[in-house]
N, C-alpha and C. Protein backbone atom coordinates (compact mmCIF):
# COMPACT_ATOMS: atom_id res chain seq x y z
N MET A 1 -36.23 26.65 -15.60
CA MET A 1 -36.15 25.74 -13.93
C MET A 1 -36.16 26.97 -12.64
N ASP A 2 -36.75 26.65 -11.45
CA ASP A 2 -37.23 27.82 -10.68
C ASP A 2 -36.00 27.35 -9.68
N SER A 3 -35.65 28.68 -9.27
CA SER A 3 -34.55 28.87 -8.15
C SER A 3 -34.15 28.04 -7.17
N ASP A 4 -35.65 27.97 -6.69
CA ASP A 4 -35.44 27.01 -5.14
C ASP A 4 -35.01 25.88 -5.71
N LEU A 5 -35.20 25.18 -6.77
CA LEU A 5 -34.72 23.87 -7.43
C LEU A 5 -33.39 23.91 -7.57
N GLU A 6 -33.02 24.86 -7.80
CA GLU A 6 -31.49 24.92 -8.65
C GLU A 6 -30.76 25.46 -7.25
N GLN A 7 -31.02 26.11 -6.28
CA GLN A 7 -30.44 25.94 -4.66
C GLN A 7 -30.42 24.78 -4.24
N SER A 8 -31.56 24.21 -4.42
CA SER A 8 -31.58 22.72 -3.36
C SER A 8 -30.04 21.91 -4.39
N PHE A 9 -30.52 22.18 -5.52
CA PHE A 9 -29.33 21.28 -6.49
C PHE A 9 -27.82 21.85 -6.13
N VAL A 10 -27.84 23.28 -6.23
CA VAL A 10 -26.34 23.19 -5.60
C VAL A 10 -25.97 22.75 -4.38
N LYS A 11 -26.85 23.07 -3.51
CA LYS A 11 -26.49 22.83 -1.93
C LYS A 11 -26.09 20.97 -2.08
N GLN A 12 -27.03 20.29 -2.73
CA GLN A 12 -26.69 18.91 -2.61
C GLN A 12 -25.67 18.73 -3.14
N LEU A 13 -25.48 19.22 -4.34
CA LEU A 13 -24.01 19.25 -5.08
C LEU A 13 -22.65 19.28 -4.45
N ARG A 14 -22.63 20.68 -3.92
CA ARG A 14 -21.44 20.93 -3.11
C ARG A 14 -21.54 19.85 -1.72
N GLU A 15 -21.87 19.30 -0.94
CA GLU A 15 -22.10 18.17 -0.14
C GLU A 15 -21.93 16.97 -0.40
N ASN A 16 -21.99 16.40 -1.37
CA ASN A 16 -21.81 15.37 -2.01
C ASN A 16 -20.93 15.27 -3.22
N GLN A 17 -19.84 16.45 -3.82
CA GLN A 17 -19.30 16.50 -4.92
C GLN A 17 -17.71 15.37 -4.53
N ASN A 18 -17.25 14.99 -3.65
CA ASN A 18 -16.86 14.02 -3.50
C ASN A 18 -17.28 12.45 -3.95
N ILE A 19 -18.19 12.09 -3.73
CA ILE A 19 -18.51 11.10 -4.46
C ILE A 19 -18.63 11.05 -6.05
N ILE A 20 -18.62 11.95 -6.40
CA ILE A 20 -18.34 12.09 -7.78
C ILE A 20 -16.73 12.02 -8.27
N HIS A 21 -15.84 12.54 -7.37
CA HIS A 21 -14.60 12.48 -7.48
C HIS A 21 -14.35 11.23 -7.58
N LYS A 22 -14.96 10.35 -6.75
CA LYS A 22 -14.01 9.21 -6.70
C LYS A 22 -14.58 8.13 -7.35
N ILE A 23 -15.61 8.62 -7.87
CA ILE A 23 -16.31 7.52 -8.86
C ILE A 23 -15.35 8.13 -10.48
N CYS A 24 -14.73 9.32 -10.58
CA CYS A 24 -13.90 9.77 -11.44
C CYS A 24 -13.02 9.08 -11.45
N ARG A 25 -12.32 8.82 -10.32
CA ARG A 25 -10.80 8.36 -10.10
C ARG A 25 -11.13 6.77 -10.27
N LEU A 26 -12.04 6.08 -10.41
CA LEU A 26 -12.37 5.16 -10.56
C LEU A 26 -12.27 4.42 -12.36
N TYR A 27 -12.85 5.85 -12.91
CA TYR A 27 -13.18 5.28 -14.28
C TYR A 27 -12.14 5.90 -15.20
N THR A 28 -11.29 6.99 -14.88
CA THR A 28 -10.53 7.43 -15.48
C THR A 28 -9.06 7.48 -14.86
N SER A 29 -7.68 7.69 -15.95
CA SER A 29 -6.40 7.54 -15.43
C SER A 29 -5.88 9.09 -16.15
N GLY A 30 -6.26 9.89 -15.47
CA GLY A 30 -5.71 11.28 -15.97
C GLY A 30 -6.59 12.32 -15.30
N GLU A 31 -6.01 13.66 -14.78
CA GLU A 31 -6.62 14.93 -14.45
C GLU A 31 -7.32 15.28 -15.28
N ASP A 32 -6.95 15.07 -16.63
CA ASP A 32 -7.69 15.98 -17.91
C ASP A 32 -9.72 15.13 -17.91
N ALA A 33 -9.55 14.00 -18.04
CA ALA A 33 -10.47 12.91 -18.45
C ALA A 33 -10.87 12.79 -16.81
N HIS A 34 -10.56 12.70 -15.77
CA HIS A 34 -11.27 13.03 -14.49
C HIS A 34 -12.33 14.43 -14.51
N LYS A 35 -11.67 15.25 -15.01
CA LYS A 35 -12.34 16.64 -14.91
C LYS A 35 -13.47 16.79 -16.20
N ASP A 36 -13.27 15.96 -16.81
CA ASP A 36 -14.14 15.79 -17.87
C ASP A 36 -15.58 14.92 -17.63
N LEU A 37 -15.05 13.63 -16.64
CA LEU A 37 -16.16 13.18 -16.27
C LEU A 37 -16.81 13.60 -15.31
N PHE A 38 -16.15 14.58 -14.27
CA PHE A 38 -16.84 15.06 -13.47
C PHE A 38 -17.90 15.88 -14.25
N GLN A 39 -17.23 16.70 -14.78
CA GLN A 39 -18.36 17.85 -15.56
C GLN A 39 -19.53 16.90 -16.09
N GLU A 40 -19.34 15.84 -16.86
CA GLU A 40 -20.41 15.36 -17.58
C GLU A 40 -21.48 14.66 -16.36
N ILE A 41 -20.45 14.27 -15.52
CA ILE A 41 -21.37 13.53 -14.34
C ILE A 41 -22.29 14.55 -13.47
N THR A 42 -21.88 15.60 -13.45
CA THR A 42 -22.46 16.87 -13.03
C THR A 42 -23.72 17.56 -13.65
N ILE A 43 -23.66 17.53 -15.29
CA ILE A 43 -24.33 18.08 -15.88
C ILE A 43 -25.79 16.43 -15.90
N GLN A 44 -25.36 15.47 -16.06
CA GLN A 44 -26.37 14.62 -15.58
C GLN A 44 -27.28 14.62 -14.71
N LEU A 45 -26.55 14.82 -13.56
CA LEU A 45 -26.83 15.26 -12.00
C LEU A 45 -28.07 16.07 -12.17
N TRP A 46 -28.07 17.10 -12.72
CA TRP A 46 -28.24 18.31 -13.08
C TRP A 46 -29.94 18.56 -14.41
N LYS A 47 -29.81 17.47 -15.04
CA LYS A 47 -30.48 16.94 -16.18
C LYS A 47 -31.52 16.47 -15.41
N ALA A 48 -31.43 15.29 -14.66
CA ALA A 48 -31.93 14.59 -14.16
C ALA A 48 -33.05 15.16 -12.61
N PHE A 49 -32.05 15.92 -11.86
CA PHE A 49 -32.78 16.32 -10.63
C PHE A 49 -34.27 16.84 -10.24
N PRO A 50 -34.73 17.25 -11.55
CA PRO A 50 -36.04 17.71 -11.14
C PRO A 50 -36.74 16.48 -10.71
N LYS A 51 -36.38 15.04 -11.68
CA LYS A 51 -37.26 13.59 -11.26
C LYS A 51 -36.99 13.42 -9.82
N PHE A 52 -36.01 13.95 -9.41
CA PHE A 52 -35.42 13.11 -7.97
C PHE A 52 -36.69 13.37 -7.03
N ARG A 53 -37.23 12.06 -6.50
CA ARG A 53 -38.57 12.22 -5.67
C ARG A 53 -37.82 12.12 -4.31
N GLY A 54 -36.88 12.41 -3.76
CA GLY A 54 -36.40 12.08 -2.43
C GLY A 54 -36.90 10.81 -2.03
N GLU A 55 -36.97 9.64 -2.79
CA GLU A 55 -37.45 8.72 -2.14
C GLU A 55 -36.18 7.93 -1.43
N SER A 56 -34.81 7.71 -1.82
CA SER A 56 -33.73 7.48 -0.97
C SER A 56 -32.56 9.06 -0.75
N LYS A 57 -31.84 8.61 -0.34
CA LYS A 57 -31.14 9.77 0.08
C LYS A 57 -30.70 10.25 -1.41
N PHE A 58 -30.15 11.93 -1.42
CA PHE A 58 -29.51 12.29 -2.54
C PHE A 58 -28.22 11.85 -2.88
N SER A 59 -27.57 11.28 -1.99
CA SER A 59 -25.95 10.28 -2.11
C SER A 59 -26.29 9.32 -3.19
N THR A 60 -27.20 8.59 -2.72
CA THR A 60 -27.56 7.21 -3.12
C THR A 60 -27.96 7.32 -4.72
N TRP A 61 -29.14 8.37 -4.93
CA TRP A 61 -29.05 8.78 -6.35
C TRP A 61 -28.16 9.72 -6.52
N ALA A 62 -27.57 9.76 -6.24
CA ALA A 62 -26.11 10.41 -7.06
C ALA A 62 -25.39 9.38 -7.35
N TYR A 63 -24.71 8.32 -6.83
CA TYR A 63 -24.02 7.28 -6.83
C TYR A 63 -24.64 6.41 -8.15
N ARG A 64 -25.64 6.38 -7.97
CA ARG A 64 -26.43 5.56 -9.22
C ARG A 64 -26.09 6.27 -10.53
N VAL A 65 -26.57 7.74 -10.66
CA VAL A 65 -26.14 8.74 -11.75
C VAL A 65 -24.58 8.63 -12.08
N ALA A 66 -24.16 8.73 -11.31
CA ALA A 66 -23.15 8.89 -11.60
C ALA A 66 -22.50 7.76 -12.32
N LEU A 67 -22.13 6.68 -11.56
CA LEU A 67 -21.73 5.00 -11.70
C LEU A 67 -22.85 4.84 -13.38
N ASN A 68 -23.89 4.67 -13.59
CA ASN A 68 -24.38 5.51 -15.07
C ASN A 68 -23.78 5.74 -16.21
N THR A 69 -23.77 7.26 -15.41
CA THR A 69 -23.13 7.88 -16.62
C THR A 69 -21.56 7.75 -16.70
N ALA A 70 -20.64 7.03 -16.09
CA ALA A 70 -19.52 6.85 -15.91
C ALA A 70 -19.28 5.40 -17.07
N ILE A 71 -20.16 4.48 -16.94
CA ILE A 71 -20.04 3.21 -17.37
C ILE A 71 -20.45 3.45 -18.45
N THR A 72 -21.55 3.88 -18.69
CA THR A 72 -22.28 4.69 -20.37
C THR A 72 -20.99 5.38 -21.20
N LEU A 73 -20.19 6.10 -20.56
CA LEU A 73 -19.41 7.41 -21.22
C LEU A 73 -18.19 6.19 -21.73
N TYR A 74 -17.89 5.43 -20.53
CA TYR A 74 -16.58 4.72 -20.78
C TYR A 74 -16.74 3.03 -21.77
N ARG A 75 -17.84 3.14 -21.77
CA ARG A 75 -17.91 1.80 -22.90
C ARG A 75 -18.22 1.97 -24.13
N LYS A 76 -18.73 3.32 -24.03
CA LYS A 76 -19.16 4.10 -25.67
C LYS A 76 -18.40 5.14 -25.95
N SER A 77 -16.85 4.94 -26.08
CA SER A 77 -16.42 6.43 -26.26
C SER A 77 -16.53 6.90 -27.20
N THR A 78 -17.17 6.87 -28.42
CA THR A 78 -18.22 7.46 -29.64
C THR A 78 -19.23 8.55 -29.30
N ARG A 79 -19.71 8.12 -28.33
CA ARG A 79 -21.07 8.27 -28.19
C ARG A 79 -21.04 10.28 -27.66
N SER A 80 -22.06 10.72 -28.23
CA SER A 80 -21.97 12.05 -28.13
C SER A 80 -23.36 12.14 -26.76
N ILE A 81 -23.17 12.94 -26.23
CA ILE A 81 -24.02 13.32 -25.07
C ILE A 81 -24.92 14.82 -25.17
N THR A 82 -26.10 15.00 -25.44
CA THR A 82 -26.48 15.96 -26.03
C THR A 82 -26.29 16.66 -23.75
N THR A 83 -26.22 18.20 -23.64
CA THR A 83 -25.90 18.39 -22.37
C THR A 83 -26.74 19.74 -22.56
N SER A 84 -27.03 20.33 -21.14
CA SER A 84 -27.82 21.29 -20.78
C SER A 84 -27.02 21.97 -20.00
N SER A 85 -27.67 23.89 -20.29
CA SER A 85 -26.22 24.86 -19.72
C SER A 85 -26.59 24.65 -18.16
N PHE A 86 -25.85 24.69 -17.70
CA PHE A 86 -25.87 24.85 -16.13
C PHE A 86 -24.71 26.35 -15.36
N ASP A 87 -25.07 27.21 -15.18
CA ASP A 87 -24.05 28.15 -14.88
C ASP A 87 -23.66 28.11 -13.46
N GLY A 88 -22.80 27.28 -13.08
CA GLY A 88 -22.58 27.36 -12.04
C GLY A 88 -21.39 28.54 -11.31
N SER A 89 -20.92 29.09 -11.91
CA SER A 89 -20.04 30.04 -11.53
C SER A 89 -21.36 31.29 -11.29
N LYS A 90 -22.62 31.02 -11.51
CA LYS A 90 -23.76 31.71 -10.69
C LYS A 90 -23.78 31.70 -9.46
N HIS A 91 -23.28 30.35 -9.16
CA HIS A 91 -23.71 30.11 -7.73
C HIS A 91 -22.52 29.86 -6.88
N PHE A 92 -21.80 30.21 -7.62
CA PHE A 92 -20.11 30.63 -6.48
C PHE A 92 -19.76 28.70 -6.31
N ILE A 93 -20.03 27.92 -7.16
CA ILE A 93 -19.71 26.40 -7.05
C ILE A 93 -18.28 26.50 -7.32
N LYS A 94 -17.16 26.30 -6.47
CA LYS A 94 -15.93 26.04 -6.54
C LYS A 94 -15.59 24.46 -6.67
N GLN A 95 -15.07 24.34 -7.61
CA GLN A 95 -14.37 22.60 -7.50
C GLN A 95 -13.50 22.40 -6.54
N GLU A 96 -13.40 21.66 -5.40
CA GLU A 96 -12.99 21.55 -4.60
C GLU A 96 -11.43 20.36 -5.19
N ASP A 97 -10.16 21.51 -4.70
CA ASP A 97 -9.08 20.63 -5.65
C ASP A 97 -8.98 19.03 -5.00
N TYR A 98 -8.84 18.09 -5.72
CA TYR A 98 -8.60 16.68 -5.80
C TYR A 98 -7.24 16.42 -6.01
N ASN A 99 -6.53 16.07 -4.85
CA ASN A 99 -4.95 15.32 -4.75
C ASN A 99 -4.52 14.11 -5.35
N PHE A 100 -3.99 14.22 -6.33
CA PHE A 100 -3.93 13.17 -7.52
C PHE A 100 -2.46 12.76 -7.14
N GLU A 101 -2.00 13.63 -5.68
CA GLU A 101 -0.42 12.87 -5.51
C GLU A 101 -0.76 11.98 -4.04
N GLU A 102 -1.78 11.06 -4.05
CA GLU A 102 -2.10 10.10 -3.14
C GLU A 102 -0.96 9.43 -2.62
N GLU A 103 -0.57 8.81 -1.16
CA GLU A 103 -0.26 7.91 -0.59
C GLU A 103 0.20 6.55 -1.44
N GLU A 104 1.00 5.67 -1.91
CA GLU A 104 1.78 4.61 -2.26
C GLU A 104 0.40 3.55 -2.70
N GLN A 105 0.03 3.52 -1.30
CA GLN A 105 -0.95 1.76 -1.34
C GLN A 105 -2.31 2.57 -1.73
N ILE A 106 -2.72 3.77 -1.78
CA ILE A 106 -4.06 3.97 -2.38
C ILE A 106 -3.92 3.53 -3.95
N LYS A 107 -3.33 4.59 -4.32
CA LYS A 107 -2.42 4.24 -5.80
C LYS A 107 -2.39 2.71 -6.17
N LEU A 108 -1.65 1.97 -5.71
CA LEU A 108 -1.56 0.97 -5.73
C LEU A 108 -3.25 -0.04 -6.03
N MET A 109 -3.84 0.32 -4.67
CA MET A 109 -5.58 -0.42 -4.75
C MET A 109 -5.99 0.22 -5.95
N TYR A 110 -6.07 1.70 -6.20
CA TYR A 110 -7.02 1.85 -7.84
C TYR A 110 -6.36 1.38 -8.58
N GLU A 111 -5.20 0.78 -9.08
CA GLU A 111 -4.53 0.24 -10.25
C GLU A 111 -5.52 -1.26 -10.22
N ALA A 112 -5.39 -1.65 -8.96
CA ALA A 112 -5.78 -2.70 -8.96
C ALA A 112 -7.56 -3.20 -8.94
N VAL A 113 -8.44 -2.08 -8.84
CA VAL A 113 -9.48 -2.47 -8.43
C VAL A 113 -9.55 -1.65 -10.40
N TYR A 114 -8.94 -0.45 -10.71
CA TYR A 114 -8.96 -0.32 -11.89
C TYR A 114 -8.97 -1.70 -13.18
N GLN A 115 -8.66 -2.77 -12.56
CA GLN A 115 -8.60 -4.03 -13.62
C GLN A 115 -9.75 -5.01 -13.73
N LEU A 116 -10.78 -4.28 -12.46
CA LEU A 116 -12.13 -5.20 -12.44
C LEU A 116 -12.92 -4.41 -13.31
N ASN A 117 -13.81 -5.38 -13.87
CA ASN A 117 -14.97 -4.64 -14.78
C ASN A 117 -15.69 -3.84 -13.81
N ASP A 118 -16.38 -3.36 -14.78
CA ASP A 118 -17.30 -2.00 -14.27
C ASP A 118 -18.22 -2.32 -13.13
N ILE A 119 -18.84 -3.09 -12.91
CA ILE A 119 -19.80 -3.87 -12.16
C ILE A 119 -19.58 -3.90 -10.71
N GLU A 120 -17.71 -4.79 -10.91
CA GLU A 120 -17.03 -4.93 -9.95
C GLU A 120 -16.58 -3.61 -9.26
N LYS A 121 -15.92 -2.41 -10.25
CA LYS A 121 -15.49 -1.61 -9.33
C LYS A 121 -16.59 -0.91 -8.53
N ALA A 122 -17.55 -0.86 -9.49
CA ALA A 122 -19.06 0.15 -8.53
C ALA A 122 -19.29 -0.72 -7.54
N LEU A 123 -19.40 -2.06 -6.92
CA LEU A 123 -19.42 -2.71 -6.14
C LEU A 123 -18.00 -2.35 -5.17
N VAL A 124 -16.86 -2.00 -5.54
CA VAL A 124 -15.77 -2.22 -4.48
C VAL A 124 -15.68 -0.46 -4.03
N PHE A 125 -16.45 0.57 -4.91
CA PHE A 125 -16.70 1.79 -4.64
C PHE A 125 -17.41 1.90 -3.74
N MET A 126 -18.72 1.05 -3.61
CA MET A 126 -19.74 1.48 -2.69
C MET A 126 -19.35 0.63 -1.45
N TYR A 127 -18.27 -0.09 -1.27
CA TYR A 127 -18.53 -1.27 -0.34
C TYR A 127 -17.60 -0.22 0.33
N LEU A 128 -16.41 0.36 -0.28
CA LEU A 128 -15.43 1.17 0.31
C LEU A 128 -15.79 2.09 1.10
N GLU A 129 -17.29 2.95 0.86
CA GLU A 129 -17.77 4.08 1.64
C GLU A 129 -18.83 3.29 2.07
N ASP A 130 -18.67 2.26 2.82
CA ASP A 130 -19.34 1.95 4.16
C ASP A 130 -20.96 1.46 4.13
N LYS A 131 -21.29 1.35 2.31
CA LYS A 131 -22.44 1.37 2.31
C LYS A 131 -22.96 -0.35 2.82
N GLY A 132 -24.26 -0.28 3.04
CA GLY A 132 -24.49 -1.75 3.65
C GLY A 132 -24.38 -1.90 2.25
N TYR A 133 -25.12 -3.71 2.54
CA TYR A 133 -25.29 -4.42 0.72
C TYR A 133 -26.53 -4.24 0.70
N ASP A 134 -27.80 -3.62 1.62
CA ASP A 134 -29.30 -3.41 1.29
C ASP A 134 -29.01 -2.46 0.01
N GLU A 135 -28.12 -1.66 0.68
CA GLU A 135 -28.20 -0.13 -0.07
C GLU A 135 -27.24 -0.02 -1.34
N ILE A 136 -26.55 -0.96 -1.64
CA ILE A 136 -25.35 -1.60 -2.28
C ILE A 136 -26.39 -2.45 -3.60
N SER A 137 -27.25 -3.27 -3.17
CA SER A 137 -27.85 -3.98 -3.94
C SER A 137 -29.12 -3.12 -4.81
N ALA A 138 -29.53 -1.95 -3.87
CA ALA A 138 -30.71 -1.19 -4.38
C ALA A 138 -29.69 -0.37 -5.65
N THR A 139 -28.83 0.13 -5.47
CA THR A 139 -28.27 0.68 -6.11
C THR A 139 -28.03 0.64 -7.66
N LEU A 140 -27.53 -1.07 -7.44
CA LEU A 140 -26.85 -1.55 -8.24
C LEU A 140 -27.99 -2.38 -9.40
N GLY A 141 -29.01 -2.47 -8.65
CA GLY A 141 -29.94 -3.43 -9.48
C GLY A 141 -30.00 -4.84 -9.14
N ILE A 142 -28.95 -5.19 -7.91
CA ILE A 142 -28.67 -6.75 -7.57
C ILE A 142 -29.23 -7.30 -6.42
N SER A 143 -29.76 -8.66 -6.41
CA SER A 143 -30.13 -8.82 -4.86
C SER A 143 -29.03 -8.90 -4.06
N GLY A 144 -29.37 -8.64 -2.70
CA GLY A 144 -28.37 -8.15 -1.40
C GLY A 144 -27.44 -9.70 -1.53
N VAL A 145 -28.00 -10.83 -1.42
CA VAL A 145 -27.04 -12.08 -1.59
C VAL A 145 -26.10 -11.72 -2.85
N ASN A 146 -26.57 -11.72 -3.89
CA ASN A 146 -25.86 -11.58 -5.21
C ASN A 146 -24.27 -10.20 -4.89
N ALA A 147 -25.05 -9.09 -4.29
CA ALA A 147 -23.87 -8.83 -4.00
C ALA A 147 -22.51 -8.69 -3.23
N ARG A 148 -23.22 -9.64 -2.05
CA ARG A 148 -22.11 -10.34 -0.91
C ARG A 148 -21.51 -11.32 -1.62
N VAL A 149 -21.98 -12.30 -2.60
CA VAL A 149 -21.41 -13.03 -3.48
C VAL A 149 -20.29 -12.62 -4.04
N LYS A 150 -20.77 -11.45 -5.13
CA LYS A 150 -19.68 -11.10 -5.95
C LYS A 150 -18.90 -9.86 -5.05
N MET A 151 -18.81 -9.61 -4.02
CA MET A 151 -18.05 -8.67 -3.07
C MET A 151 -16.83 -10.03 -2.57
N ASN A 152 -17.22 -11.06 -2.26
CA ASN A 152 -16.31 -12.08 -1.37
C ASN A 152 -15.18 -11.91 -2.84
N ARG A 153 -15.97 -12.79 -4.16
CA ARG A 153 -15.23 -12.85 -4.85
C ARG A 153 -14.16 -11.60 -5.60
N ILE A 154 -14.40 -10.72 -5.23
CA ILE A 154 -13.91 -9.53 -5.75
C ILE A 154 -12.94 -9.16 -4.85
N LYS A 155 -12.74 -9.58 -3.53
CA LYS A 155 -11.83 -9.32 -2.70
C LYS A 155 -10.79 -10.60 -2.71
N THR A 156 -11.37 -11.57 -3.40
CA THR A 156 -10.34 -12.91 -3.14
C THR A 156 -9.71 -12.46 -4.93
N LYS A 157 -10.12 -12.02 -6.13
CA LYS A 157 -9.53 -10.95 -7.48
C LYS A 157 -8.44 -10.29 -6.86
N LEU A 158 -9.05 -9.50 -5.70
CA LEU A 158 -7.87 -8.09 -5.53
C LEU A 158 -6.83 -8.69 -4.95
N LYS A 159 -7.17 -9.83 -3.88
CA LYS A 159 -5.66 -9.93 -3.24
C LYS A 159 -4.51 -10.59 -4.16
N LYS A 160 -5.43 -11.33 -5.40
CA LYS A 160 -4.51 -12.07 -6.46
C LYS A 160 -3.78 -10.61 -7.27
N ILE A 161 -3.94 -9.74 -7.52
CA ILE A 161 -3.92 -8.63 -8.18
C ILE A 161 -2.69 -7.98 -7.49
N LEU A 162 -3.02 -8.08 -5.62
CA LEU A 162 -1.80 -7.25 -5.28
C LEU A 162 -1.11 -8.18 -4.61
N ASN A 163 -1.19 -9.41 -4.34
CA ASN A 163 -0.04 -10.35 -3.83
C ASN A 163 -0.17 -11.02 -5.07
N PRO A 164 0.43 -11.30 -5.96
CA PRO A 164 0.58 -12.25 -7.33
C PRO A 164 1.64 -13.53 -6.73
């Protein structure tokens, strides 16, 4: 790979790594699993980056790759994934510290969201990131109307979980 492509990837990853952290938080329960998933998503982004055409924002594309990676890995725990080498230390990528000791309300919300199915988690995540229904539907491959209906049902479901 040429160094321009590598530099571009590193820059985009630095700017968007919190997206990956948030997805990891939704699909894992523990710091080690979080770090493993973060690493696997980064590798999958790196492998797919040469095919990124820029037709959407990098963050939208990264959401899709990260969500697909998380869903695939945690649905098939015995699956092994072939990885490509990427030497992040060569580019001085420092993983930002992620605070696992967040406020109690956020913890309760994550526990409630963790009870949702994979697609519901992805929809909530993007909704909480203030993504519009057009972007949500494009990323998840569903219609905008379907995204709105699902989100309303998820809100009702979360209210029941949080306030039994």
